[in-house]
Amino acid sequence: MDISARNQIKGRVTNIQSGKAMTFVTIQADGMQLASAITNDGAHDLKLKQNDQVTAIVKATEVILAKVLLASLAPVTVSLVKSVLCSTVKPWASSK
């Protein structure tokens, strides 16, 4: 399949959670965890299962980051606006 999007991240499916209309797919890619919310029909058509090799394709015009200082809200969630891809980033350990 040819595609013009240049933001392509290869990874492995680590978790699949299906809801009433959407499926939440988590992948491990280059040391980071990415998640994508896709329709149940899309997940069914792809025949997704644990450990499948997949490519996450990101089409976003903006990336917005928020640093939350409240410990109860950690880890910080990074969202890619105008896409269904998101990743959870764990706070870095201090090197003091």
Protein backbone atom coordinates (compact mmCIF):
# COMPACT_ATOMS: atom_id res chain seq x y z
CA MET A 1 0.00 0.00 0.00
CA ASP A 2 1.41 3.39 -0.99
CA ILE A 3 0.76 6.28 1.38
CA SER A 4 1.96 9.88 1.40
CA ALA A 5 2.20 10.28 5.21
CA ARG A 6 5.84 10.40 6.29
CA ASN A 7 5.22 9.91 10.03
CA GLN A 8 5.21 6.12 10.15
CA ILE A 9 6.18 4.20 13.29
CA LYS A 10 6.60 0.42 13.17
CA GLY A 11 5.69 -1.49 16.29
CA ARG A 12 4.11 -4.56 17.89
CA VAL A 13 0.56 -4.79 19.30
CA THR A 14 0.74 -5.22 23.09
CA ASN A 15 -2.91 -4.76 24.08
CA ILE A 16 -6.35 -4.64 22.47
CA GLN A 17 -9.47 -3.44 24.32
CA SER A 18 -12.77 -3.38 22.45
CA GLY A 19 -15.72 -1.24 23.50
CA LYS A 20 -19.20 -0.77 22.05
CA ALA A 21 -18.00 1.18 19.00
CA MET A 22 -14.23 1.67 19.31
CA THR A 23 -11.18 -0.52 19.90
CA PHE A 24 -8.20 0.84 21.85
CA VAL A 25 -4.96 -0.65 20.50
CA THR A 26 -1.63 -0.23 22.31
CA ILE A 27 1.65 -0.80 20.50
CA GLN A 28 5.29 -0.90 21.59
CA ALA A 29 7.58 0.93 19.18
CA ASP A 30 11.22 1.95 19.58
CA GLY A 31 11.03 1.98 23.37
CA MET A 32 7.80 3.97 23.53
CA GLN A 33 4.21 2.99 24.02
CA LEU A 34 1.66 4.33 21.54
CA ALA A 35 -2.10 3.95 21.57
CA SER A 36 -4.67 4.32 18.84
CA ALA A 37 -8.46 4.38 19.06
CA ILE A 38 -9.94 2.82 15.92
CA THR A 39 -13.42 1.63 15.05
CA ASN A 40 -14.37 -1.93 15.92
CA ASP A 41 -14.96 -2.51 12.19
CA GLY A 42 -11.41 -1.32 11.44
CA ALA A 43 -9.92 -3.63 14.07
CA HIS A 44 -12.01 -6.53 12.71
CA ASP A 45 -10.96 -5.80 9.10
CA LEU A 46 -7.28 -5.74 10.13
CA LYS A 47 -7.75 -8.98 12.11
CA LEU A 48 -5.62 -7.44 14.88
CA LYS A 49 -4.27 -9.69 17.60
CA GLN A 50 -1.62 -9.53 20.31
CA ASN A 51 1.99 -9.40 19.01
CA ASP A 52 0.97 -8.43 15.45
CA GLN A 53 3.49 -6.21 13.68
CA VAL A 54 1.78 -2.92 12.69
CA THR A 55 2.66 0.55 11.43
CA ALA A 56 1.22 3.60 13.19
CA ILE A 57 0.67 6.39 10.67
CA VAL A 58 0.45 9.87 12.18
CA LYS A 59 -1.31 12.68 10.34
CA ALA A 60 -1.34 15.73 12.58
CA THR A 61 -0.81 19.43 12.01
CA GLU A 62 -0.28 20.21 15.71
CA VAL A 63 1.22 18.50 18.73
CA ILE A 64 0.16 19.90 22.11
CA LEU A 65 2.00 18.95 25.30
CA ALA A 66 0.87 19.55 28.88
CA LYS A 67 2.98 19.17 31.99
CA VAL A 68 0.81 18.32 34.94
CA LEU A 69 2.38 18.99 38.33
CA LEU A 70 -0.26 17.20 40.39
CA ALA A 71 1.13 13.80 41.41
CA SER A 72 -2.34 12.26 41.19
CA LEU A 73 -2.43 13.00 37.45
CA ALA A 74 0.98 11.51 36.60
CA PRO A 75 2.04 10.03 34.22
CA VAL A 76 1.73 12.95 31.83
CA THR A 77 -0.42 12.22 28.78
CA VAL A 78 0.71 13.53 25.41
CA SER A 79 -2.00 13.94 22.78
CA LEU A 80 -1.54 14.41 19.09
CA VAL A 81 -4.33 16.75 18.05
CA LYS A 82 -6.36 15.94 14.93
CA SER A 83 -5.34 12.28 15.08
CA VAL A 84 -6.32 9.25 17.10
CA LEU A 85 -2.79 8.50 18.22
CA CYS A 86 -1.68 9.18 21.77
CA SER A 87 1.18 8.09 23.99
CA THR A 88 1.75 8.00 27.73
CA VAL A 89 5.11 9.43 28.77
CA LYS A 90 6.45 8.49 32.20
CA PRO A 91 8.24 11.29 34.13
CA TRP A 92 12.02 11.15 33.81
CA ALA A 93 14.04 10.22 36.86
CA SER A 94 16.21 13.00 38.21
CA SER A 95 19.97 12.50 37.82
CA LYS A 96 20.83 14.40 41.05
